Amino acid sequence: MMIIVTLGALALTAAVFPRAHAQSGQALILAEQVCLQNGVAPSTAAFEGCVARAALAFDRGQPDIAVRQARATRDAREVCLSYELSPESLGYRQCVATEVERALNQLAEQYD
C-alpha cells in the first residue's frame, strides 16, 4: 500500500512541476524578478514553477511570454486559494498546475 501512495505522489509531483530544463543564470534572475513583480510569493511551489517557465521563455528570447506566464501563475494561485485549498496540499499544487496550463493554452490559441 505504501508503494502505491509513494508512486501516486511521485506521478502527481511530475505532473505539477514543469520538466527540468537548463536555464542560464541571467534567465533565472530575470524570471525570479518577473514572478515577484507579478505577485507570485517566493518559497512556494507556484513560485518555483513560475520561475522555471519564465526562465525558459527568457532563454528563448521571449520576455513577453515570461511575463504572461508569471501573470497566469498569479491568477492560478488566486483561483485555487478561492477554492479554500491549503497551499501546502497536493490538491492546491494540482489546481495551480491545471489553471496555469489552461491559461497558457488559451493564450496560445489567441496567437494561432
PDB file of N, CA and C in Angstrom:
ATOM      1  N   MET A   1       0.830  -1.192   0.000  1.00  0.00           N
ATOM      2  CA  MET A   1       0.000   0.000   0.000  1.00  0.00           C
ATOM      3  C   MET A   1       0.872   1.251   0.000  1.00  0.00           C
ATOM      4  N   MET A   2       1.944   1.244   0.771  1.00  0.00           N
ATOM      5  CA  MET A   2       2.825   2.401   0.842  1.00  0.00           C
ATOM      6  C   MET A   2       3.466   2.690  -0.509  1.00  0.00           C
ATOM      7  N   ILE A   3       3.770   1.636  -1.259  1.00  0.00           N
ATOM      8  CA  ILE A   3       4.382   1.814  -2.572  1.00  0.00           C
ATOM      9  C   ILE A   3       3.402   2.523  -3.507  1.00  0.00           C
ATOM     10  N   ILE A   4       2.138   2.161  -3.449  1.00  0.00           N
ATOM     11  CA  ILE A   4       1.128   2.789  -4.296  1.00  0.00           C
ATOM     12  C   ILE A   4       1.000   4.271  -3.965  1.00  0.00           C
ATOM     13  N   VAL A   5       0.971   4.606  -2.680  1.00  0.00           N
ATOM     14  CA  VAL A   5       0.885   6.002  -2.258  1.00  0.00           C
ATOM     15  C   VAL A   5       2.112   6.770  -2.725  1.00  0.00           C
ATOM     16  N   THR A   6       3.281   6.187  -2.573  1.00  0.00           N
ATOM     17  CA  THR A   6       4.517   6.845  -2.991  1.00  0.00           C
ATOM     18  C   THR A   6       4.539   7.066  -4.493  1.00  0.00           C
ATOM     19  N   LEU A   7       4.171   6.050  -5.261  1.00  0.00           N
ATOM     20  CA  LEU A   7       4.141   6.188  -6.720  1.00  0.00           C
ATOM     21  C   LEU A   7       3.120   7.228  -7.160  1.00  0.00           C
ATOM     22  N   GLY A   8       1.984   7.262  -6.499  1.00  0.00           N
ATOM     23  CA  GLY A   8       0.977   8.265  -6.815  1.00  0.00           C
ATOM     24  C   GLY A   8       1.479   9.671  -6.545  1.00  0.00           C
ATOM     25  N   ALA A   9       2.149   9.855  -5.414  1.00  0.00           N
ATOM     26  CA  ALA A   9       2.703  11.170  -5.083  1.00  0.00           C
ATOM     27  C   ALA A   9       3.768  11.583  -6.086  1.00  0.00           C
ATOM     28  N   LEU A  10       4.601  10.637  -6.500  1.00  0.00           N
ATOM     29  CA  LEU A  10       5.625  10.949  -7.500  1.00  0.00           C
ATOM     30  C   LEU A  10       5.004  11.322  -8.837  1.00  0.00           C
ATOM     31  N   ALA A  11       3.972  10.625  -9.235  1.00  0.00           N
ATOM     32  CA  ALA A  11       3.300  10.932 -10.504  1.00  0.00           C
ATOM     33  C   ALA A  11       2.668  12.311 -10.454  1.00  0.00           C
ATOM     34  N   LEU A  12       2.039  12.642  -9.331  1.00  0.00           N
ATOM     35  CA  LEU A  12       1.427  13.949  -9.181  1.00  0.00           C
ATOM     36  C   LEU A  12       2.473  15.043  -9.189  1.00  0.00           C
ATOM     37  N   THR A  13       3.584  14.813  -8.504  1.00  0.00           N
ATOM     38  CA  THR A  13       4.665  15.794  -8.486  1.00  0.00           C
ATOM     39  C   THR A  13       5.201  16.017  -9.887  1.00  0.00           C
ATOM     40  N   ALA A  14       5.358  14.965 -10.653  1.00  0.00           N
ATOM     41  CA  ALA A  14       5.856  15.094 -12.029  1.00  0.00           C
ATOM     42  C   ALA A  14       4.876  15.884 -12.887  1.00  0.00           C
ATOM     43  N   ALA A  15       3.599  15.727 -12.635  1.00  0.00           N
ATOM     44  CA  ALA A  15       2.594  16.455 -13.409  1.00  0.00           C
ATOM     45  C   ALA A  15       2.545  17.930 -13.023  1.00  0.00           C
ATOM     46  N   VAL A  16       2.835  18.232 -11.756  1.00  0.00           N
ATOM     47  CA  VAL A  16       2.712  19.588 -11.262  1.00  0.00           C
ATOM     48  C   VAL A  16       3.899  20.456 -11.659  1.00  0.00           C
ATOM     49  N   PHE A  17       5.081  19.926 -11.599  1.00  0.00           N
ATOM     50  CA  PHE A  17       6.261  20.724 -11.880  1.00  0.00           C
ATOM     51  C   PHE A  17       6.666  20.591 -13.336  1.00  0.00           C
ATOM     52  N   PRO A  18       7.036  21.700 -13.952  1.00  0.00           N
ATOM     53  CA  PRO A  18       7.485  21.622 -15.332  1.00  0.00           C
ATOM     54  C   PRO A  18       8.749  20.781 -15.437  1.00  0.00           C
ATOM     55  N   ARG A  19       8.971  20.231 -16.608  1.00  0.00           N
ATOM     56  CA  ARG A  19      10.176  19.437 -16.797  1.00  0.00           C
ATOM     57  C   ARG A  19      11.413  20.302 -16.567  1.00  0.00           C
ATOM     58  N   ALA A  20      12.435  19.678 -16.034  1.00  0.00           N
ATOM     59  CA  ALA A  20      13.668  20.402 -15.747  1.00  0.00           C
ATOM     60  C   ALA A  20      14.373  20.753 -17.050  1.00  0.00           C
ATOM     61  N   HIS A  21      14.724  21.996 -17.185  1.00  0.00           N
ATOM     62  CA  HIS A  21      15.480  22.483 -18.327  1.00  0.00           C
ATOM     63  C   HIS A  21      16.632  23.307 -17.769  1.00  0.00           C
ATOM     64  N   ALA A  22      17.756  23.204 -18.421  1.00  0.00           N
ATOM     65  CA  ALA A  22      18.896  24.017 -18.001  1.00  0.00           C
ATOM     66  C   ALA A  22      18.628  25.459 -18.412  1.00  0.00           C
ATOM     67  N   GLN A  23      18.688  26.365 -17.456  1.00  0.00           N
ATOM     68  CA  GLN A  23      18.484  27.776 -17.746  1.00  0.00           C
ATOM     69  C   GLN A  23      19.735  28.545 -17.383  1.00  0.00           C
ATOM     70  N   SER A  24      19.968  29.629 -18.112  1.00  0.00           N
ATOM     71  CA  SER A  24      21.119  30.459 -17.810  1.00  0.00           C
ATOM     72  C   SER A  24      20.867  31.200 -16.500  1.00  0.00           C
ATOM     73  N   GLY A  25      21.957  31.612 -15.861  1.00  0.00           N
ATOM     74  CA  GLY A  25      21.841  32.361 -14.611  1.00  0.00           C
ATOM     75  C   GLY A  25      21.079  33.655 -14.800  1.00  0.00           C
ATOM     76  N   GLN A  26      21.321  34.336 -15.904  1.00  0.00           N
ATOM     77  CA  GLN A  26      20.630  35.590 -16.186  1.00  0.00           C
ATOM     78  C   GLN A  26      19.129  35.359 -16.350  1.00  0.00           C
ATOM     79  N   ALA A  27      18.754  34.285 -17.044  1.00  0.00           N
ATOM     80  CA  ALA A  27      17.341  33.975 -17.242  1.00  0.00           C
ATOM     81  C   ALA A  27      16.664  33.680 -15.907  1.00  0.00           C
ATOM     82  N   LEU A  28      17.354  32.977 -15.025  1.00  0.00           N
ATOM     83  CA  LEU A  28      16.784  32.677 -13.709  1.00  0.00           C
ATOM     84  C   LEU A  28      16.571  33.940 -12.884  1.00  0.00           C
ATOM     85  N   ILE A  29      17.525  34.852 -12.952  1.00  0.00           N
ATOM     86  CA  ILE A  29      17.398  36.117 -12.215  1.00  0.00           C
ATOM     87  C   ILE A  29      16.212  36.913 -12.739  1.00  0.00           C
ATOM     88  N   LEU A  30      16.120  37.040 -14.063  1.00  0.00           N
ATOM     89  CA  LEU A  30      15.003  37.766 -14.667  1.00  0.00           C
ATOM     90  C   LEU A  30      13.673  37.087 -14.351  1.00  0.00           C
ATOM     91  N   ALA A  31      13.666  35.766 -14.384  1.00  0.00           N
ATOM     92  CA  ALA A  31      12.448  35.018 -14.106  1.00  0.00           C
ATOM     93  C   ALA A  31      11.988  35.245 -12.665  1.00  0.00           C
ATOM     94  N   GLU A  32      12.917  35.201 -11.721  1.00  0.00           N
ATOM     95  CA  GLU A  32      12.557  35.463 -10.328  1.00  0.00           C
ATOM     96  C   GLU A  32      11.960  36.856 -10.184  1.00  0.00           C
ATOM     97  N   GLN A  33      12.583  37.830 -10.844  1.00  0.00           N
ATOM     98  CA  GLN A  33      12.089  39.204 -10.761  1.00  0.00           C
ATOM     99  C   GLN A  33      10.675  39.332 -11.324  1.00  0.00           C
ATOM    100  N   VAL A  34      10.454  38.739 -12.508  1.00  0.00           N
ATOM    101  CA  VAL A  34       9.133  38.878 -13.133  1.00  0.00           C
ATOM    102  C   VAL A  34       8.067  38.145 -12.322  1.00  0.00           C
ATOM    103  N   CYS A  35       8.404  37.030 -11.737  1.00  0.00           N
ATOM    104  CA  CYS A  35       7.432  36.315 -10.903  1.00  0.00           C
ATOM    105  C   CYS A  35       7.112  37.118  -9.647  1.00  0.00           C
ATOM    106  N   LEU A  36       8.127  37.674  -9.017  1.00  0.00           N
ATOM    107  CA  LEU A  36       7.900  38.503  -7.831  1.00  0.00           C
ATOM    108  C   LEU A  36       7.088  39.752  -8.172  1.00  0.00           C
ATOM    109  N   GLN A  37       7.428  40.401  -9.286  1.00  0.00           N
ATOM    110  CA  GLN A  37       6.717  41.615  -9.703  1.00  0.00           C
ATOM    111  C   GLN A  37       5.248  41.347 -10.006  1.00  0.00           C
ATOM    112  N   ASN A  38       4.932  40.114 -10.346  1.00  0.00           N
ATOM    113  CA  ASN A  38       3.551  39.761 -10.660  1.00  0.00           C
ATOM    114  C   ASN A  38       2.846  39.094  -9.488  1.00  0.00           C
ATOM    115  N   GLY A  39       3.407  39.221  -8.311  1.00  0.00           N
ATOM    116  CA  GLY A  39       2.722  38.791  -7.101  1.00  0.00           C
ATOM    117  C   GLY A  39       2.782  37.319  -6.772  1.00  0.00           C
ATOM    118  N   VAL A  40       3.724  36.587  -7.358  1.00  0.00           N
ATOM    119  CA  VAL A  40       3.875  35.181  -7.019  1.00  0.00           C
ATOM    120  C   VAL A  40       4.820  35.101  -5.819  1.00  0.00           C
ATOM    121  N   ALA A  41       4.322  34.552  -4.731  1.00  0.00           N
ATOM    122  CA  ALA A  41       5.075  34.536  -3.479  1.00  0.00           C
ATOM    123  C   ALA A  41       6.275  33.590  -3.552  1.00  0.00           C
ATOM    124  N   PRO A  42       7.427  34.054  -3.064  1.00  0.00           N
ATOM    125  CA  PRO A  42       8.617  33.189  -3.062  1.00  0.00           C
ATOM    126  C   PRO A  42       8.454  32.029  -2.078  1.00  0.00           C
ATOM    127  N   SER A  43       9.293  31.039  -2.245  1.00  0.00           N
ATOM    128  CA  SER A  43       9.315  29.855  -1.379  1.00  0.00           C
ATOM    129  C   SER A  43       8.017  29.066  -1.440  1.00  0.00           C
ATOM    130  N   THR A  44       7.375  29.058  -2.613  1.00  0.00           N
ATOM    131  CA  THR A  44       6.162  28.263  -2.818  1.00  0.00           C
ATOM    132  C   THR A  44       6.348  27.415  -4.068  1.00  0.00           C
ATOM    133  N   ALA A  45       5.544  26.383  -4.179  1.00  0.00           N
ATOM    134  CA  ALA A  45       5.585  25.548  -5.378  1.00  0.00           C
ATOM    135  C   ALA A  45       5.202  26.375  -6.606  1.00  0.00           C
ATOM    136  N   ALA A  46       4.240  27.282  -6.443  1.00  0.00           N
ATOM    137  CA  ALA A  46       3.822  28.132  -7.561  1.00  0.00           C
ATOM    138  C   ALA A  46       4.990  28.999  -8.040  1.00  0.00           C
ATOM    139  N   PHE A  47       5.772  29.518  -7.093  1.00  0.00           N
ATOM    140  CA  PHE A  47       6.919  30.354  -7.450  1.00  0.00           C
ATOM    141  C   PHE A  47       7.956  29.541  -8.220  1.00  0.00           C
ATOM    142  N   GLU A  48       8.239  28.348  -7.751  1.00  0.00           N
ATOM    143  CA  GLU A  48       9.235  27.512  -8.418  1.00  0.00           C
ATOM    144  C   GLU A  48       8.813  27.201  -9.860  1.00  0.00           C
ATOM    145  N   GLY A  49       7.535  26.863 -10.031  1.00  0.00           N
ATOM    146  CA  GLY A  49       7.034  26.597 -11.370  1.00  0.00           C
ATOM    147  C   GLY A  49       7.059  27.839 -12.243  1.00  0.00           C
ATOM    148  N   CYS A  50       6.699  28.970 -11.660  1.00  0.00           N
ATOM    149  CA  CYS A  50       6.716  30.238 -12.379  1.00  0.00           C
ATOM    150  C   CYS A  50       8.127  30.557 -12.853  1.00  0.00           C
ATOM    151  N   VAL A  51       9.094  30.420 -11.983  1.00  0.00           N
ATOM    152  CA  VAL A  51      10.487  30.721 -12.329  1.00  0.00           C
ATOM    153  C   VAL A  51      10.977  29.783 -13.430  1.00  0.00           C
ATOM    154  N   ALA A  52      10.653  28.513 -13.318  1.00  0.00           N
ATOM    155  CA  ALA A  52      11.111  27.550 -14.326  1.00  0.00           C
ATOM    156  C   ALA A  52      10.548  27.888 -15.705  1.00  0.00           C
ATOM    157  N   ARG A  53       9.244  28.182 -15.770  1.00  0.00           N
ATOM    158  CA  ARG A  53       8.622  28.502 -17.056  1.00  0.00           C
ATOM    159  C   ARG A  53       9.126  29.839 -17.598  1.00  0.00           C
ATOM    160  N   ALA A  54       9.215  30.840 -16.740  1.00  0.00           N
ATOM    161  CA  ALA A  54       9.652  32.168 -17.189  1.00  0.00           C
ATOM    162  C   ALA A  54      11.119  32.139 -17.622  1.00  0.00           C
ATOM    163  N   ALA A  55      11.967  31.419 -16.903  1.00  0.00           N
ATOM    164  CA  ALA A  55      13.384  31.338 -17.279  1.00  0.00           C
ATOM    165  C   ALA A  55      13.546  30.699 -18.649  1.00  0.00           C
ATOM    166  N   LEU A  56      12.766  29.680 -18.908  1.00  0.00           N
ATOM    167  CA  LEU A  56      12.821  29.036 -20.218  1.00  0.00           C
ATOM    168  C   LEU A  56      12.413  30.030 -21.313  1.00  0.00           C
ATOM    169  N   ALA A  57      11.387  30.811 -21.039  1.00  0.00           N
ATOM    170  CA  ALA A  57      10.958  31.829 -22.006  1.00  0.00           C
ATOM    171  C   ALA A  57      12.048  32.878 -22.211  1.00  0.00           C
ATOM    172  N   PHE A  58      12.688  33.319 -21.131  1.00  0.00           N
ATOM    173  CA  PHE A  58      13.775  34.300 -21.268  1.00  0.00           C
ATOM    174  C   PHE A  58      14.930  33.719 -22.080  1.00  0.00           C
ATOM    175  N   ASP A  59      15.263  32.469 -21.823  1.00  0.00           N
ATOM    176  CA  ASP A  59      16.338  31.829 -22.595  1.00  0.00           C
ATOM    177  C   ASP A  59      15.987  31.726 -24.074  1.00  0.00           C
ATOM    178  N   ARG A  60      14.719  31.636 -24.371  1.00  0.00           N
ATOM    179  CA  ARG A  60      14.277  31.567 -25.773  1.00  0.00           C
ATOM    180  C   ARG A  60      14.118  32.950 -26.397  1.00  0.00           C
ATOM    181  N   GLY A  61      14.405  33.987 -25.619  1.00  0.00           N
ATOM    182  CA  GLY A  61      14.267  35.344 -26.132  1.00  0.00           C
ATOM    183  C   GLY A  61      12.831  35.811 -26.210  1.00  0.00           C
ATOM    184  N   GLN A  62      11.985  35.321 -25.301  1.00  0.00           N
ATOM    185  CA  GLN A  62      10.563  35.653 -25.295  1.00  0.00           C
ATOM    186  C   GLN A  62      10.149  36.282 -23.965  1.00  0.00           C
ATOM    187  N   PRO A  63      10.633  37.496 -23.676  1.00  0.00           N
ATOM    188  CA  PRO A  63      10.294  38.105 -22.389  1.00  0.00           C
ATOM    189  C   PRO A  63       8.804  38.360 -22.217  1.00  0.00           C
ATOM    190  N   ASP A  64       8.090  38.622 -23.312  1.00  0.00           N
ATOM    191  CA  ASP A  64       6.646  38.847 -23.204  1.00  0.00           C
ATOM    192  C   ASP A  64       5.920  37.570 -22.761  1.00  0.00           C
ATOM    193  N   ILE A  65       6.405  36.436 -23.226  1.00  0.00           N
ATOM    194  CA  ILE A  65       5.829  35.149 -22.807  1.00  0.00           C
ATOM    195  C   ILE A  65       6.131  34.906 -21.335  1.00  0.00           C
ATOM    196  N   ALA A  66       7.322  35.269 -20.889  1.00  0.00           N
ATOM    197  CA  ALA A  66       7.688  35.097 -19.474  1.00  0.00           C
ATOM    198  C   ALA A  66       6.738  35.883 -18.582  1.00  0.00           C
ATOM    199  N   VAL A  67       6.426  37.103 -18.979  1.00  0.00           N
ATOM    200  CA  VAL A  67       5.503  37.934 -18.192  1.00  0.00           C
ATOM    201  C   VAL A  67       4.110  37.316 -18.184  1.00  0.00           C
ATOM    202  N   ARG A  68       3.653  36.825 -19.329  1.00  0.00           N
ATOM    203  CA  ARG A  68       2.328  36.200 -19.390  1.00  0.00           C
ATOM    204  C   ARG A  68       2.263  34.957 -18.509  1.00  0.00           C
ATOM    205  N   GLN A  69       3.368  34.201 -18.476  1.00  0.00           N
ATOM    206  CA  GLN A  69       3.392  33.006 -17.636  1.00  0.00           C
ATOM    207  C   GLN A  69       3.347  33.375 -16.162  1.00  0.00           C
ATOM    208  N   ALA A  70       4.043  34.436 -15.791  1.00  0.00           N
ATOM    209  CA  ALA A  70       4.007  34.882 -14.397  1.00  0.00           C
ATOM    210  C   ALA A  70       2.598  35.336 -14.017  1.00  0.00           C
ATOM    211  N   ARG A  71       1.945  36.068 -14.909  1.00  0.00           N
ATOM    212  CA  ARG A  71       0.569  36.506 -14.639  1.00  0.00           C
ATOM    213  C   ARG A  71      -0.380  35.313 -14.540  1.00  0.00           C
ATOM    214  N   ALA A  72      -0.181  34.328 -15.401  1.00  0.00           N
ATOM    215  CA  ALA A  72      -1.020  33.126 -15.361  1.00  0.00           C
ATOM    216  C   ALA A  72      -0.842  32.400 -14.032  1.00  0.00           C
ATOM    217  N   THR A  73       0.392  32.366 -13.533  1.00  0.00           N
ATOM    218  CA  THR A  73       0.659  31.717 -12.246  1.00  0.00           C
ATOM    219  C   THR A  73      -0.012  32.482 -11.114  1.00  0.00           C
ATOM    220  N   ARG A  74       0.110  33.806 -11.141  1.00  0.00           N
ATOM    221  CA  ARG A  74      -0.541  34.632 -10.118  1.00  0.00           C
ATOM    222  C   ARG A  74      -2.046  34.403 -10.127  1.00  0.00           C
ATOM    223  N   ASP A  75      -2.641  34.440 -11.311  1.00  0.00           N
ATOM    224  CA  ASP A  75      -4.081  34.256 -11.424  1.00  0.00           C
ATOM    225  C   ASP A  75      -4.506  32.859 -10.966  1.00  0.00           C
ATOM    226  N   ALA A  76      -3.700  31.857 -11.307  1.00  0.00           N
ATOM    227  CA  ALA A  76      -3.997  30.479 -10.896  1.00  0.00           C
ATOM    228  C   ALA A  76      -3.969  30.353  -9.381  1.00  0.00           C
ATOM    229  N   ARG A  77      -2.990  30.990  -8.756  1.00  0.00           N
ATOM    230  CA  ARG A  77      -2.915  30.953  -7.287  1.00  0.00           C
ATOM    231  C   ARG A  77      -4.187  31.537  -6.685  1.00  0.00           C
ATOM    232  N   GLU A  78      -4.633  32.674  -7.234  1.00  0.00           N
ATOM    233  CA  GLU A  78      -5.824  33.327  -6.698  1.00  0.00           C
ATOM    234  C   GLU A  78      -7.056  32.440  -6.846  1.00  0.00           C
ATOM    235  N   VAL A  79      -7.191  31.805  -8.010  1.00  0.00           N
ATOM    236  CA  VAL A  79      -8.332  30.911  -8.238  1.00  0.00           C
ATOM    237  C   VAL A  79      -8.303  29.759  -7.237  1.00  0.00           C
ATOM    238  N   CYS A  80      -7.145  29.133  -7.101  1.00  0.00           N
ATOM    239  CA  CYS A  80      -7.045  27.957  -6.219  1.00  0.00           C
ATOM    240  C   CYS A  80      -7.226  28.330  -4.757  1.00  0.00           C
ATOM    241  N   LEU A  81      -6.751  29.495  -4.359  1.00  0.00           N
ATOM    242  CA  LEU A  81      -6.980  29.947  -2.984  1.00  0.00           C
ATOM    243  C   LEU A  81      -8.461  30.247  -2.763  1.00  0.00           C
ATOM    244  N   SER A  82      -9.151  30.698  -3.802  1.00  0.00           N
ATOM    245  CA  SER A  82     -10.584  30.978  -3.662  1.00  0.00           C
ATOM    246  C   SER A  82     -11.377  29.694  -3.425  1.00  0.00           C
ATOM    247  N   TYR A  83     -10.809  28.561  -3.817  1.00  0.00           N
ATOM    248  CA  TYR A  83     -11.439  27.266  -3.554  1.00  0.00           C
ATOM    249  C   TYR A  83     -11.153  26.799  -2.130  1.00  0.00           C
ATOM    250  N   GLU A  84     -10.434  27.616  -1.373  1.00  0.00           N
ATOM    251  CA  GLU A  84     -10.062  27.343   0.011  1.00  0.00           C
ATOM    252  C   GLU A  84      -9.194  26.094   0.137  1.00  0.00           C
ATOM    253  N   LEU A  85      -8.343  25.877  -0.869  1.00  0.00           N
ATOM    254  CA  LEU A  85      -7.372  24.783  -0.804  1.00  0.00           C
ATOM    255  C   LEU A  85      -6.169  25.252  -0.007  1.00  0.00           C
ATOM    256  N   SER A  86      -5.627  24.389   0.796  1.00  0.00           N
ATOM    257  CA  SER A  86      -4.435  24.718   1.567  1.00  0.00           C
ATOM    258  C   SER A  86      -3.233  24.780   0.628  1.00  0.00           C
ATOM    259  N   PRO A  87      -2.458  25.872   0.661  1.00  0.00           N
ATOM    260  CA  PRO A  87      -1.295  25.993  -0.219  1.00  0.00           C
ATOM    261  C   PRO A  87      -0.254  24.892  -0.025  1.00  0.00           C
ATOM    262  N   GLU A  88      -0.315  24.174   1.067  1.00  0.00           N
ATOM    263  CA  GLU A  88       0.626  23.083   1.323  1.00  0.00           C
ATOM    264  C   GLU A  88       0.122  21.747   0.788  1.00  0.00           C
ATOM    265  N   SER A  89      -1.092  21.720   0.259  1.00  0.00           N
ATOM    266  CA  SER A  89      -1.681  20.441  -0.150  1.00  0.00           C
ATOM    267  C   SER A  89      -1.356  20.094  -1.603  1.00  0.00           C
ATOM    268  N   LEU A  90      -1.391  18.806  -1.886  1.00  0.00           N
ATOM    269  CA  LEU A  90      -1.193  18.353  -3.262  1.00  0.00           C
ATOM    270  C   LEU A  90      -2.343  18.810  -4.151  1.00  0.00           C
ATOM    271  N   GLY A  91      -3.534  18.895  -3.589  1.00  0.00           N
ATOM    272  CA  GLY A  91      -4.682  19.378  -4.343  1.00  0.00           C
ATOM    273  C   GLY A  91      -4.482  20.801  -4.835  1.00  0.00           C
ATOM    274  N   TYR A  92      -3.905  21.629  -3.977  1.00  0.00           N
ATOM    275  CA  TYR A  92      -3.608  23.011  -4.349  1.00  0.00           C
ATOM    276  C   TYR A  92      -2.569  23.048  -5.468  1.00  0.00           C
ATOM    277  N   ARG A  93      -1.520  22.266  -5.333  1.00  0.00           N
ATOM    278  CA  ARG A  93      -0.474  22.237  -6.359  1.00  0.00           C
ATOM    279  C   ARG A  93      -1.040  21.784  -7.697  1.00  0.00           C
ATOM    280  N   GLN A  94      -1.886  20.759  -7.655  1.00  0.00           N
ATOM    281  CA  GLN A  94      -2.502  20.272  -8.890  1.00  0.00           C
ATOM    282  C   GLN A  94      -3.422  21.335  -9.474  1.00  0.00           C
ATOM    283  N   CYS A  95      -4.153  22.016  -8.613  1.00  0.00           N
ATOM    284  CA  CYS A  95      -5.039  23.084  -9.064  1.00  0.00           C
ATOM    285  C   CYS A  95      -4.240  24.172  -9.773  1.00  0.00           C
ATOM    286  N   VAL A  96      -3.148  24.615  -9.171  1.00  0.00           N
ATOM    287  CA  VAL A  96      -2.322  25.657  -9.783  1.00  0.00           C
ATOM    288  C   VAL A  96      -1.786  25.183 -11.131  1.00  0.00           C
ATOM    289  N   ALA A  97      -1.284  23.964 -11.177  1.00  0.00           N
ATOM    290  CA  ALA A  97      -0.746  23.439 -12.430  1.00  0.00           C
ATOM    291  C   ALA A  97      -1.824  23.392 -13.510  1.00  0.00           C
ATOM    292  N   THR A  98      -3.011  22.958 -13.150  1.00  0.00           N
ATOM    293  CA  THR A  98      -4.115  22.867 -14.102  1.00  0.00           C
ATOM    294  C   THR A  98      -4.543  24.245 -14.588  1.00  0.00           C
ATOM    295  N   GLU A  99      -4.665  25.188 -13.671  1.00  0.00           N
ATOM    296  CA  GLU A  99      -5.086  26.537 -14.029  1.00  0.00           C
ATOM    297  C   GLU A  99      -4.044  27.248 -14.894  1.00  0.00           C
ATOM    298  N   VAL A 100      -2.762  27.067 -14.573  1.00  0.00           N
ATOM    299  CA  VAL A 100      -1.702  27.677 -15.389  1.00  0.00           C
ATOM    300  C   VAL A 100      -1.733  27.085 -16.787  1.00  0.00           C
ATOM    301  N   GLU A 101      -1.833  25.778 -16.864  1.00  0.00           N
ATOM    302  CA  GLU A 101      -1.877  25.111 -18.168  1.00  0.00           C
ATOM    303  C   GLU A 101      -3.063  25.599 -18.990  1.00  0.00           C
ATOM    304  N   ARG A 102      -4.211  25.720 -18.357  1.00  0.00           N
ATOM    305  CA  ARG A 102      -5.411  26.194 -19.045  1.00  0.00           C
ATOM    306  C   ARG A 102      -5.215  27.618 -19.568  1.00  0.00           C
ATOM    307  N   ALA A 103      -4.676  28.480 -18.729  1.00  0.00           N
ATOM    308  CA  ALA A 103      -4.456  29.874 -19.129  1.00  0.00           C
ATOM    309  C   ALA A 103      -3.451  29.974 -20.268  1.00  0.00           C
ATOM    310  N   LEU A 104      -2.376  29.209 -20.192  1.00  0.00           N
ATOM    311  CA  LEU A 104      -1.364  29.266 -21.237  1.00  0.00           C
ATOM    312  C   LEU A 104      -1.884  28.674 -22.544  1.00  0.00           C
ATOM    313  N   ASN A 105      -2.729  27.661 -22.461  1.00  0.00           N
ATOM    314  CA  ASN A 105      -3.355  27.112 -23.671  1.00  0.00           C
ATOM    315  C   ASN A 105      -4.265  28.142 -24.321  1.00  0.00           C
ATOM    316  N   GLN A 106      -5.001  28.893 -23.519  1.00  0.00           N
ATOM    317  CA  GLN A 106      -5.867  29.941 -24.058  1.00  0.00           C
ATOM    318  C   GLN A 106      -5.035  31.029 -24.736  1.00  0.00           C
ATOM    319  N   LEU A 107      -3.901  31.384 -24.130  1.00  0.00           N
ATOM    320  CA  LEU A 107      -3.024  32.394 -24.743  1.00  0.00           C
ATOM    321  C   LEU A 107      -2.473  31.876 -26.073  1.00  0.00           C
ATOM    322  N   ALA A 108      -2.082  30.616 -26.094  1.00  0.00           N
ATOM    323  CA  ALA A 108      -1.530  30.040 -27.317  1.00  0.00           C
ATOM    324  C   ALA A 108      -2.576  30.040 -28.424  1.00  0.00           C
ATOM    325  N   GLU A 109      -3.823  29.749 -28.079  1.00  0.00           N
ATOM    326  CA  GLU A 109      -4.895  29.746 -29.071  1.00  0.00           C
ATOM    327  C   GLU A 109      -5.116  31.133 -29.659  1.00  0.00           C
ATOM    328  N   GLN A 110      -4.910  32.178 -28.857  1.00  0.00           N
ATOM    329  CA  GLN A 110      -5.081  33.542 -29.335  1.00  0.00           C
ATOM    330  C   GLN A 110      -4.038  33.906 -30.386  1.00  0.00           C
ATOM    331  N   TYR A 111      -2.876  33.264 -30.308  1.00  0.00           N
ATOM    332  CA  TYR A 111      -1.784  33.597 -31.232  1.00  0.00           C
ATOM    333  C   TYR A 111      -1.696  32.640 -32.416  1.00  0.00           C
ATOM    334  N   ASP A 112      -2.588  31.668 -32.455  1.00  0.00           N
ATOM    335  CA  ASP A 112      -2.591  30.728 -33.599  1.00  0.00           C
ATOM    336  C   ASP A 112      -3.361  31.284 -34.763  1.00  0.00           C
TER     337      ASP A 112
END
